[in-house]
Amino acid sequence: MKSKAARKDKTKDKTQDRTIDSAVKEFRELAAGQKFRTSTSALYTGLLINKYLNTMSDSLSVRYRTSMDILYVLLIYGGSLTPSDLSRLTCRSKQTVTHIIDKLEEEGLVKRGPIGTDRRTRQVNVTRKGAEIAKQSLIGLRQFVNNVMPDEIGDEQMKGLESVLYQIRKRLHVVMGGRTGRR
């Protein structure tokens, strides 16, 4: 015969099971809906892409994924930006950007220099070596895109996806009070 404590534990376990079942049901109800499913799908896809890009940047002897972001942004914006602009455009803190710039400078991928005669303001310039590393990475990124984008997705669908992603980024920019950096 079971003791009173054992019966109490069994009742407690059943109550916990019902609570968990109820939480699971509530979670599924909250997660129902096309917008939520699409958003989580986009998030998961972004995480997978980021994981791949981290692996790719490791193979190019660039230690940090943020390093590639900084090199890309520098090249997109003409090869030279201030650390504050890099922070804003890569959605990274100024401290993180400064740390990464230090590492990139040690590796000869960027160099710092003054802006005109004002020694207080500095700019970061991509070097030839940095541009070459970014180019190699971009070639790998294009191969990645060609490998993962299904051939069945036509240009019109791609333009539609690009438009939706732009609208999401734009909305995030508003929701975050302009702290996203990119538009």
N, C-alpha and C. Protein backbone atom coordinates (compact mmCIF):
# COMPACT_ATOMS: atom_id res chain seq x y z
N MET A 1 0.83 -1.17 0.00
CA MET A 1 0.00 0.00 0.00
C MET A 1 0.88 1.24 0.00
N LYS A 2 0.46 2.23 -0.76
CA LYS A 2 1.26 3.43 -0.90
C LYS A 2 1.08 4.32 0.32
N SER A 3 2.17 4.96 0.66
CA SER A 3 2.11 5.87 1.79
C SER A 3 1.39 7.16 1.39
N LYS A 4 1.03 7.90 2.38
CA LYS A 4 0.34 9.17 2.17
C LYS A 4 1.25 10.13 1.39
N ALA A 5 2.53 10.14 1.68
CA ALA A 5 3.50 11.02 1.01
C ALA A 5 3.63 10.64 -0.47
N ALA A 6 3.62 9.34 -0.78
CA ALA A 6 3.73 8.89 -2.17
C ALA A 6 2.50 9.31 -2.96
N ARG A 7 1.30 9.18 -2.35
CA ARG A 7 0.08 9.61 -3.03
C ARG A 7 0.09 11.12 -3.26
N LYS A 8 0.58 11.87 -2.28
CA LYS A 8 0.66 13.32 -2.40
C LYS A 8 1.62 13.70 -3.53
N ASP A 9 2.76 13.00 -3.61
CA ASP A 9 3.73 13.26 -4.70
C ASP A 9 3.11 12.96 -6.06
N LYS A 10 2.35 11.86 -6.16
CA LYS A 10 1.72 11.50 -7.42
C LYS A 10 0.69 12.54 -7.83
N THR A 11 -0.08 13.04 -6.88
CA THR A 11 -1.06 14.09 -7.15
C THR A 11 -0.35 15.36 -7.60
N LYS A 12 0.76 15.67 -6.94
CA LYS A 12 1.55 16.86 -7.29
C LYS A 12 2.09 16.73 -8.72
N ASP A 13 2.58 15.51 -9.08
CA ASP A 13 3.08 15.27 -10.43
C ASP A 13 1.99 15.45 -11.48
N LYS A 14 0.78 14.95 -11.18
CA LYS A 14 -0.34 15.10 -12.12
C LYS A 14 -0.70 16.57 -12.30
N THR A 15 -0.67 17.33 -11.21
CA THR A 15 -0.98 18.76 -11.28
C THR A 15 0.08 19.47 -12.13
N GLN A 16 1.35 19.11 -11.94
CA GLN A 16 2.42 19.71 -12.74
C GLN A 16 2.26 19.34 -14.21
N ASP A 17 1.89 18.09 -14.49
CA ASP A 17 1.67 17.65 -15.88
C ASP A 17 0.56 18.47 -16.52
N ARG A 18 -0.55 18.69 -15.79
CA ARG A 18 -1.65 19.49 -16.32
C ARG A 18 -1.21 20.93 -16.57
N THR A 19 -0.39 21.46 -15.66
CA THR A 19 0.11 22.83 -15.80
C THR A 19 0.99 22.93 -17.05
N ILE A 20 1.85 21.95 -17.26
CA ILE A 20 2.72 21.93 -18.43
C ILE A 20 1.88 21.78 -19.70
N ASP A 21 0.93 20.85 -19.66
CA ASP A 21 0.05 20.66 -20.82
C ASP A 21 -0.69 21.95 -21.15
N SER A 22 -1.16 22.64 -20.13
CA SER A 22 -1.87 23.90 -20.33
C SER A 22 -0.93 24.95 -20.93
N ALA A 23 0.31 25.02 -20.44
CA ALA A 23 1.29 25.97 -20.95
C ALA A 23 1.62 25.67 -22.42
N VAL A 24 1.75 24.38 -22.74
CA VAL A 24 2.03 23.98 -24.12
C VAL A 24 0.88 24.40 -25.02
N LYS A 25 -0.36 24.16 -24.57
CA LYS A 25 -1.53 24.54 -25.36
C LYS A 25 -1.58 26.05 -25.57
N GLU A 26 -1.34 26.83 -24.51
CA GLU A 26 -1.34 28.29 -24.63
C GLU A 26 -0.23 28.77 -25.57
N PHE A 27 0.94 28.15 -25.46
CA PHE A 27 2.06 28.52 -26.34
C PHE A 27 1.70 28.27 -27.80
N ARG A 28 1.13 27.11 -28.07
CA ARG A 28 0.75 26.79 -29.45
C ARG A 28 -0.31 27.74 -29.98
N GLU A 29 -1.24 28.14 -29.13
CA GLU A 29 -2.26 29.10 -29.56
C GLU A 29 -1.63 30.45 -29.87
N LEU A 30 -0.69 30.87 -29.02
CA LEU A 30 -0.01 32.14 -29.26
C LEU A 30 0.85 32.09 -30.53
N ALA A 31 1.43 30.93 -30.79
CA ALA A 31 2.32 30.77 -31.94
C ALA A 31 1.56 30.53 -33.24
N ALA A 32 0.26 30.30 -33.15
CA ALA A 32 -0.54 30.09 -34.35
C ALA A 32 -0.65 31.43 -35.08
N GLY A 33 -0.74 31.35 -36.35
CA GLY A 33 -0.88 32.57 -37.14
C GLY A 33 0.26 32.69 -38.13
N GLN A 34 -0.07 33.10 -39.32
CA GLN A 34 0.90 33.14 -40.40
C GLN A 34 2.04 34.11 -40.14
N LYS A 35 1.73 35.29 -39.60
CA LYS A 35 2.80 36.27 -39.35
C LYS A 35 3.83 35.71 -38.39
N PHE A 36 3.35 35.08 -37.32
CA PHE A 36 4.28 34.53 -36.33
C PHE A 36 5.13 33.41 -36.94
N ARG A 37 4.48 32.49 -37.65
CA ARG A 37 5.21 31.38 -38.26
C ARG A 37 6.23 31.90 -39.27
N THR A 38 5.85 32.88 -40.07
CA THR A 38 6.76 33.44 -41.06
C THR A 38 7.92 34.15 -40.37
N SER A 39 7.63 34.89 -39.32
CA SER A 39 8.68 35.61 -38.59
C SER A 39 9.68 34.64 -37.97
N THR A 40 9.17 33.59 -37.33
CA THR A 40 10.09 32.62 -36.73
C THR A 40 10.87 31.87 -37.81
N SER A 41 10.25 31.63 -38.95
CA SER A 41 10.96 30.99 -40.06
C SER A 41 12.08 31.90 -40.57
N ALA A 42 11.79 33.19 -40.70
CA ALA A 42 12.82 34.15 -41.15
C ALA A 42 13.94 34.23 -40.13
N LEU A 43 13.60 34.25 -38.85
CA LEU A 43 14.60 34.30 -37.79
C LEU A 43 15.50 33.07 -37.85
N TYR A 44 14.90 31.90 -37.93
CA TYR A 44 15.67 30.66 -37.98
C TYR A 44 16.56 30.63 -39.23
N THR A 45 16.03 31.05 -40.36
CA THR A 45 16.82 31.10 -41.59
C THR A 45 18.00 32.05 -41.42
N GLY A 46 17.75 33.20 -40.80
CA GLY A 46 18.82 34.16 -40.53
C GLY A 46 19.90 33.57 -39.64
N LEU A 47 19.49 32.82 -38.62
CA LEU A 47 20.47 32.18 -37.74
C LEU A 47 21.33 31.17 -38.50
N LEU A 48 20.69 30.39 -39.38
CA LEU A 48 21.45 29.43 -40.18
C LEU A 48 22.42 30.12 -41.13
N ILE A 49 21.96 31.19 -41.76
CA ILE A 49 22.84 31.95 -42.65
C ILE A 49 24.01 32.52 -41.87
N ASN A 50 23.72 33.08 -40.70
CA ASN A 50 24.78 33.65 -39.88
C ASN A 50 25.79 32.58 -39.47
N LYS A 51 25.29 31.39 -39.13
CA LYS A 51 26.20 30.29 -38.76
C LYS A 51 27.11 29.94 -39.93
N TYR A 52 26.55 29.86 -41.13
CA TYR A 52 27.35 29.59 -42.31
C TYR A 52 28.38 30.69 -42.52
N LEU A 53 27.96 31.94 -42.40
CA LEU A 53 28.88 33.06 -42.62
C LEU A 53 30.01 33.06 -41.59
N ASN A 54 29.70 32.67 -40.35
CA ASN A 54 30.75 32.54 -39.34
C ASN A 54 31.77 31.50 -39.76
N THR A 55 31.28 30.37 -40.25
CA THR A 55 32.18 29.30 -40.72
C THR A 55 33.03 29.80 -41.88
N MET A 56 32.40 30.51 -42.80
CA MET A 56 33.11 31.02 -43.96
C MET A 56 34.17 32.03 -43.56
N SER A 57 33.85 32.93 -42.62
CA SER A 57 34.82 33.93 -42.21
C SER A 57 36.01 33.26 -41.52
N ASP A 58 35.76 32.16 -40.80
CA ASP A 58 36.86 31.42 -40.19
C ASP A 58 37.81 30.87 -41.26
N SER A 59 37.25 30.40 -42.36
CA SER A 59 38.08 29.83 -43.42
C SER A 59 38.90 30.90 -44.14
N LEU A 60 38.52 32.17 -44.01
CA LEU A 60 39.27 33.26 -44.65
C LEU A 60 40.25 33.91 -43.68
N SER A 61 40.51 33.26 -42.58
CA SER A 61 41.42 33.74 -41.53
C SER A 61 40.98 35.05 -40.91
N VAL A 62 39.70 35.35 -40.98
CA VAL A 62 39.15 36.49 -40.26
C VAL A 62 38.45 35.92 -39.04
N ARG A 63 38.88 36.35 -37.87
CA ARG A 63 38.44 35.69 -36.64
C ARG A 63 36.99 35.95 -36.26
N TYR A 64 36.47 37.09 -36.60
CA TYR A 64 35.15 37.45 -36.11
C TYR A 64 34.23 37.80 -37.26
N ARG A 65 33.00 37.37 -37.18
CA ARG A 65 32.00 37.69 -38.21
C ARG A 65 31.81 39.19 -38.32
N THR A 66 31.86 39.89 -37.20
CA THR A 66 31.72 41.34 -37.22
C THR A 66 32.83 41.98 -38.06
N SER A 67 33.98 41.34 -38.11
CA SER A 67 35.08 41.85 -38.94
C SER A 67 34.65 41.92 -40.40
N MET A 68 33.99 40.88 -40.87
CA MET A 68 33.53 40.88 -42.26
C MET A 68 32.46 41.95 -42.46
N ASP A 69 31.58 42.11 -41.48
CA ASP A 69 30.56 43.15 -41.58
C ASP A 69 31.22 44.52 -41.74
N ILE A 70 32.25 44.77 -40.95
CA ILE A 70 32.94 46.06 -41.01
C ILE A 70 33.63 46.24 -42.36
N LEU A 71 34.28 45.20 -42.86
CA LEU A 71 34.94 45.31 -44.17
C LEU A 71 33.91 45.55 -45.27
N TYR A 72 32.79 44.82 -45.24
CA TYR A 72 31.73 45.01 -46.25
C TYR A 72 31.20 46.44 -46.21
N VAL A 73 30.88 46.93 -45.02
CA VAL A 73 30.31 48.27 -44.88
C VAL A 73 31.31 49.31 -45.36
N LEU A 74 32.57 49.15 -45.00
CA LEU A 74 33.58 50.10 -45.48
C LEU A 74 33.60 50.15 -47.00
N LEU A 75 33.57 49.00 -47.63
CA LEU A 75 33.61 48.96 -49.10
C LEU A 75 32.33 49.51 -49.72
N ILE A 76 31.20 49.18 -49.14
CA ILE A 76 29.92 49.68 -49.65
C ILE A 76 29.88 51.20 -49.59
N TYR A 77 30.45 51.78 -48.54
CA TYR A 77 30.42 53.23 -48.35
C TYR A 77 31.70 53.92 -48.80
N GLY A 78 32.42 53.34 -49.74
CA GLY A 78 33.54 54.03 -50.36
C GLY A 78 34.90 53.79 -49.75
N GLY A 79 35.03 52.91 -48.77
CA GLY A 79 36.33 52.54 -48.23
C GLY A 79 36.76 53.26 -46.98
N SER A 80 35.97 54.24 -46.51
CA SER A 80 36.39 55.03 -45.36
C SER A 80 35.18 55.52 -44.59
N LEU A 81 35.17 55.28 -43.28
CA LEU A 81 34.09 55.76 -42.40
C LEU A 81 34.67 56.02 -41.01
N THR A 82 33.91 56.76 -40.22
CA THR A 82 34.31 56.95 -38.82
C THR A 82 33.88 55.71 -38.02
N PRO A 83 34.53 55.48 -36.88
CA PRO A 83 34.09 54.37 -36.03
C PRO A 83 32.62 54.49 -35.61
N SER A 84 32.15 55.71 -35.37
CA SER A 84 30.73 55.90 -35.00
C SER A 84 29.81 55.47 -36.13
N ASP A 85 30.17 55.82 -37.36
CA ASP A 85 29.36 55.38 -38.50
C ASP A 85 29.38 53.87 -38.64
N LEU A 86 30.54 53.26 -38.44
CA LEU A 86 30.63 51.80 -38.51
C LEU A 86 29.76 51.15 -37.43
N SER A 87 29.77 51.73 -36.24
CA SER A 87 28.95 51.21 -35.15
C SER A 87 27.48 51.25 -35.54
N ARG A 88 27.05 52.38 -36.05
CA ARG A 88 25.64 52.55 -36.43
C ARG A 88 25.25 51.62 -37.58
N LEU A 89 26.11 51.53 -38.58
CA LEU A 89 25.77 50.76 -39.78
C LEU A 89 25.87 49.24 -39.59
N THR A 90 26.66 48.80 -38.62
CA THR A 90 26.76 47.36 -38.36
C THR A 90 25.91 46.93 -37.17
N CYS A 91 25.20 47.89 -36.57
CA CYS A 91 24.34 47.60 -35.41
C CYS A 91 25.14 46.97 -34.27
N ARG A 92 26.34 47.48 -34.06
CA ARG A 92 27.21 46.99 -32.98
C ARG A 92 27.56 48.17 -32.07
N SER A 93 27.90 47.88 -30.83
CA SER A 93 28.28 48.94 -29.90
C SER A 93 29.61 49.56 -30.33
N LYS A 94 29.84 50.78 -29.90
CA LYS A 94 31.10 51.46 -30.23
C LYS A 94 32.29 50.69 -29.66
N GLN A 95 32.12 50.11 -28.46
CA GLN A 95 33.20 49.34 -27.85
C GLN A 95 33.54 48.11 -28.69
N THR A 96 32.51 47.42 -29.17
CA THR A 96 32.74 46.24 -30.01
C THR A 96 33.44 46.63 -31.30
N VAL A 97 32.98 47.70 -31.92
CA VAL A 97 33.57 48.15 -33.18
C VAL A 97 35.02 48.55 -32.96
N THR A 98 35.30 49.27 -31.89
CA THR A 98 36.68 49.67 -31.59
C THR A 98 37.57 48.43 -31.41
N HIS A 99 37.08 47.44 -30.69
CA HIS A 99 37.84 46.20 -30.49
C HIS A 99 38.11 45.51 -31.83
N ILE A 100 37.10 45.41 -32.66
CA ILE A 100 37.25 44.74 -33.96
C ILE A 100 38.19 45.54 -34.87
N ILE A 101 38.07 46.86 -34.86
CA ILE A 101 38.97 47.69 -35.66
C ILE A 101 40.42 47.47 -35.22
N ASP A 102 40.64 47.38 -33.90
CA ASP A 102 41.99 47.09 -33.40
C ASP A 102 42.52 45.79 -33.99
N LYS A 103 41.68 44.75 -33.99
CA LYS A 103 42.10 43.45 -34.53
C LYS A 103 42.35 43.53 -36.04
N LEU A 104 41.44 44.20 -36.75
CA LEU A 104 41.61 44.35 -38.20
C LEU A 104 42.88 45.14 -38.53
N GLU A 105 43.18 46.14 -37.72
CA GLU A 105 44.39 46.94 -37.95
C GLU A 105 45.63 46.09 -37.70
N GLU A 106 45.61 45.26 -36.65
CA GLU A 106 46.73 44.36 -36.37
C GLU A 106 46.98 43.41 -37.55
N GLU A 107 45.90 42.98 -38.20
CA GLU A 107 46.02 42.06 -39.32
C GLU A 107 46.28 42.77 -40.65
N GLY A 108 46.34 44.10 -40.62
CA GLY A 108 46.63 44.87 -41.82
C GLY A 108 45.45 44.99 -42.78
N LEU A 109 44.23 44.81 -42.26
CA LEU A 109 43.05 44.86 -43.11
C LEU A 109 42.42 46.26 -43.16
N VAL A 110 42.68 47.06 -42.13
CA VAL A 110 42.24 48.46 -42.11
C VAL A 110 43.36 49.28 -41.50
N LYS A 111 43.26 50.60 -41.69
CA LYS A 111 44.16 51.51 -40.98
C LYS A 111 43.36 52.73 -40.56
N ARG A 112 43.75 53.28 -39.44
CA ARG A 112 43.10 54.48 -38.94
C ARG A 112 43.87 55.70 -39.42
N GLY A 113 43.13 56.79 -39.60
CA GLY A 113 43.78 58.02 -40.00
C GLY A 113 42.92 59.21 -39.58
N PRO A 114 43.54 60.39 -39.54
CA PRO A 114 42.77 61.58 -39.17
C PRO A 114 41.85 62.00 -40.30
N ILE A 115 40.84 62.77 -39.94
CA ILE A 115 39.96 63.37 -40.94
C ILE A 115 40.41 64.82 -41.08
N GLY A 116 41.04 65.12 -42.17
CA GLY A 116 41.55 66.48 -42.39
C GLY A 116 42.56 66.86 -41.33
N THR A 117 42.41 68.07 -40.80
CA THR A 117 43.35 68.56 -39.80
C THR A 117 42.88 68.33 -38.37
N ASP A 118 41.65 67.83 -38.21
CA ASP A 118 41.09 67.58 -36.88
C ASP A 118 41.62 66.25 -36.35
N ARG A 119 42.54 66.32 -35.39
CA ARG A 119 43.14 65.09 -34.88
C ARG A 119 42.22 64.34 -33.92
N ARG A 120 41.14 64.99 -33.48
CA ARG A 120 40.21 64.32 -32.56
C ARG A 120 39.32 63.33 -33.28
N THR A 121 39.01 63.58 -34.54
CA THR A 121 38.14 62.69 -35.30
C THR A 121 39.00 61.80 -36.17
N ARG A 122 38.69 60.53 -36.13
CA ARG A 122 39.47 59.55 -36.90
C ARG A 122 38.55 58.86 -37.89
N GLN A 123 39.14 58.35 -38.92
CA GLN A 123 38.39 57.53 -39.87
C GLN A 123 39.10 56.20 -40.02
N VAL A 124 38.35 55.23 -40.41
CA VAL A 124 38.88 53.89 -40.64
C VAL A 124 38.87 53.68 -42.15
N ASN A 125 40.02 53.28 -42.67
CA ASN A 125 40.17 53.05 -44.11
C ASN A 125 40.48 51.59 -44.37
N VAL A 126 39.80 51.00 -45.33
CA VAL A 126 40.09 49.62 -45.70
C VAL A 126 41.40 49.61 -46.49
N THR A 127 42.24 48.61 -46.25
CA THR A 127 43.49 48.46 -47.00
C THR A 127 43.25 47.56 -48.20
N ARG A 128 44.23 47.47 -49.06
CA ARG A 128 44.14 46.58 -50.22
C ARG A 128 43.93 45.13 -49.75
N LYS A 129 44.68 44.74 -48.72
CA LYS A 129 44.55 43.38 -48.17
C LYS A 129 43.13 43.16 -47.64
N GLY A 130 42.57 44.16 -46.94
CA GLY A 130 41.21 44.05 -46.41
C GLY A 130 40.19 43.93 -47.53
N ALA A 131 40.39 44.71 -48.61
CA ALA A 131 39.48 44.65 -49.76
C ALA A 131 39.56 43.28 -50.42
N GLU A 132 40.75 42.72 -50.49
CA GLU A 132 40.92 41.40 -51.11
C GLU A 132 40.23 40.32 -50.28
N ILE A 133 40.40 40.37 -48.96
CA ILE A 133 39.72 39.40 -48.07
C ILE A 133 38.21 39.53 -48.24
N ALA A 134 37.69 40.75 -48.28
CA ALA A 134 36.24 40.97 -48.45
C ALA A 134 35.79 40.43 -49.80
N LYS A 135 36.60 40.63 -50.83
CA LYS A 135 36.25 40.13 -52.17
C LYS A 135 36.18 38.60 -52.16
N GLN A 136 37.16 37.96 -51.55
CA GLN A 136 37.14 36.49 -51.46
C GLN A 136 35.90 36.02 -50.72
N SER A 137 35.57 36.71 -49.64
CA SER A 137 34.40 36.36 -48.86
C SER A 137 33.13 36.54 -49.69
N LEU A 138 33.07 37.62 -50.46
CA LEU A 138 31.89 37.88 -51.29
C LEU A 138 31.73 36.81 -52.37
N ILE A 139 32.84 36.35 -52.91
CA ILE A 139 32.77 35.26 -53.90
C ILE A 139 32.19 34.02 -53.23
N GLY A 140 32.65 33.72 -52.03
CA GLY A 140 32.10 32.59 -51.27
C GLY A 140 30.64 32.78 -50.94
N LEU A 141 30.26 34.02 -50.62
CA LEU A 141 28.88 34.31 -50.30
C LEU A 141 27.99 34.13 -51.53
N ARG A 142 28.47 34.54 -52.69
CA ARG A 142 27.70 34.34 -53.92
C ARG A 142 27.51 32.85 -54.20
N GLN A 143 28.56 32.05 -53.97
CA GLN A 143 28.45 30.60 -54.15
C GLN A 143 27.42 30.03 -53.18
N PHE A 144 27.45 30.52 -51.95
CA PHE A 144 26.50 30.08 -50.95
C PHE A 144 25.07 30.39 -51.41
N VAL A 145 24.84 31.62 -51.86
CA VAL A 145 23.52 32.02 -52.33
C VAL A 145 23.08 31.13 -53.48
N ASN A 146 23.98 30.90 -54.42
CA ASN A 146 23.64 30.04 -55.57
C ASN A 146 23.33 28.61 -55.14
N ASN A 147 23.99 28.14 -54.09
CA ASN A 147 23.76 26.77 -53.61
C ASN A 147 22.47 26.63 -52.81
N VAL A 148 22.10 27.65 -52.04
CA VAL A 148 20.95 27.49 -51.15
C VAL A 148 19.65 28.05 -51.72
N MET A 149 19.72 28.98 -52.64
CA MET A 149 18.50 29.52 -53.22
C MET A 149 17.94 28.55 -54.25
N PRO A 150 16.78 28.02 -54.00
CA PRO A 150 16.20 27.07 -54.96
C PRO A 150 16.01 27.71 -56.34
N ASP A 151 16.32 26.96 -57.36
CA ASP A 151 16.16 27.46 -58.73
C ASP A 151 14.71 27.80 -59.05
N GLU A 152 13.79 27.17 -58.33
CA GLU A 152 12.37 27.40 -58.59
C GLU A 152 11.91 28.80 -58.18
N ILE A 153 12.73 29.48 -57.37
CA ILE A 153 12.36 30.83 -56.95
C ILE A 153 12.81 31.79 -58.05
N GLY A 154 11.83 32.39 -58.70
CA GLY A 154 12.12 33.29 -59.81
C GLY A 154 12.43 34.71 -59.34
N ASP A 155 12.80 35.55 -60.30
CA ASP A 155 13.16 36.93 -60.00
C ASP A 155 12.01 37.70 -59.35
N GLU A 156 10.78 37.47 -59.80
CA GLU A 156 9.65 38.19 -59.21
C GLU A 156 9.45 37.82 -57.75
N GLN A 157 9.59 36.53 -57.42
CA GLN A 157 9.47 36.11 -56.03
C GLN A 157 10.60 36.70 -55.20
N MET A 158 11.80 36.73 -55.77
CA MET A 158 12.95 37.31 -55.06
C MET A 158 12.71 38.79 -54.79
N LYS A 159 12.17 39.50 -55.78
CA LYS A 159 11.88 40.92 -55.58
C LYS A 159 10.81 41.10 -54.50
N GLY A 160 9.83 40.21 -54.48
CA GLY A 160 8.80 40.26 -53.44
C GLY A 160 9.39 40.02 -52.06
N LEU A 161 10.27 39.02 -51.96
CA LEU A 161 10.92 38.74 -50.68
C LEU A 161 11.78 39.93 -50.24
N GLU A 162 12.51 40.49 -51.18
CA GLU A 162 13.34 41.65 -50.87
C GLU A 162 12.47 42.81 -50.36
N SER A 163 11.33 43.01 -50.97
CA SER A 163 10.42 44.08 -50.55
C SER A 163 9.90 43.83 -49.15
N VAL A 164 9.51 42.60 -48.86
CA VAL A 164 8.99 42.25 -47.53
C VAL A 164 10.09 42.45 -46.48
N LEU A 165 11.29 41.98 -46.78
CA LEU A 165 12.39 42.14 -45.83
C LEU A 165 12.70 43.61 -45.58
N TYR A 166 12.64 44.41 -46.63
CA TYR A 166 12.86 45.85 -46.48
C TYR A 166 11.80 46.45 -45.56
N GLN A 167 10.54 46.07 -45.75
CA GLN A 167 9.47 46.60 -44.91
C GLN A 167 9.68 46.21 -43.44
N ILE A 168 10.14 44.99 -43.21
CA ILE A 168 10.40 44.53 -41.85
C ILE A 168 11.55 45.34 -41.24
N ARG A 169 12.64 45.52 -42.01
CA ARG A 169 13.77 46.32 -41.51
C ARG A 169 13.33 47.75 -41.20
N LYS A 170 12.53 48.31 -42.08
CA LYS A 170 12.04 49.68 -41.90
C LYS A 170 11.22 49.77 -40.60
N ARG A 171 10.35 48.80 -40.39
CA ARG A 171 9.53 48.77 -39.18
C ARG A 171 10.40 48.59 -37.94
N LEU A 172 11.38 47.71 -38.01
CA LEU A 172 12.29 47.52 -36.89
C LEU A 172 13.04 48.81 -36.56
N HIS A 173 13.42 49.53 -37.59
CA HIS A 173 14.10 50.81 -37.39
C HIS A 173 13.22 51.76 -36.58
N VAL A 174 11.94 51.80 -36.90
CA VAL A 174 11.00 52.67 -36.19
C VAL A 174 10.81 52.15 -34.75
N VAL A 175 10.57 50.86 -34.60
CA VAL A 175 10.31 50.28 -33.29
C VAL A 175 11.52 50.47 -32.36
N MET A 176 12.71 50.35 -32.92
CA MET A 176 13.93 50.48 -32.12
C MET A 176 14.39 51.93 -31.98
N GLY A 177 13.60 52.86 -32.46
CA GLY A 177 13.94 54.27 -32.28
C GLY A 177 15.17 54.70 -33.06
N GLY A 178 15.38 54.11 -34.23
CA GLY A 178 16.51 54.50 -35.07
C GLY A 178 17.82 53.87 -34.69
N ARG A 179 17.81 52.90 -33.76
CA ARG A 179 19.07 52.32 -33.31
C ARG A 179 19.57 51.18 -34.19
N THR A 180 18.88 50.86 -35.27
CA THR A 180 19.30 49.74 -36.11
C THR A 180 20.41 50.11 -37.06
N GLY A 181 20.57 51.38 -37.37
CA GLY A 181 21.66 51.80 -38.24
C GLY A 181 21.35 51.70 -39.70
N ARG A 182 20.88 50.57 -40.16
CA ARG A 182 20.60 50.37 -41.59
C ARG A 182 19.14 50.65 -41.88
N ARG A 183 18.87 51.02 -43.10
CA ARG A 183 17.47 51.23 -43.50
C ARG A 183 17.09 50.29 -44.59
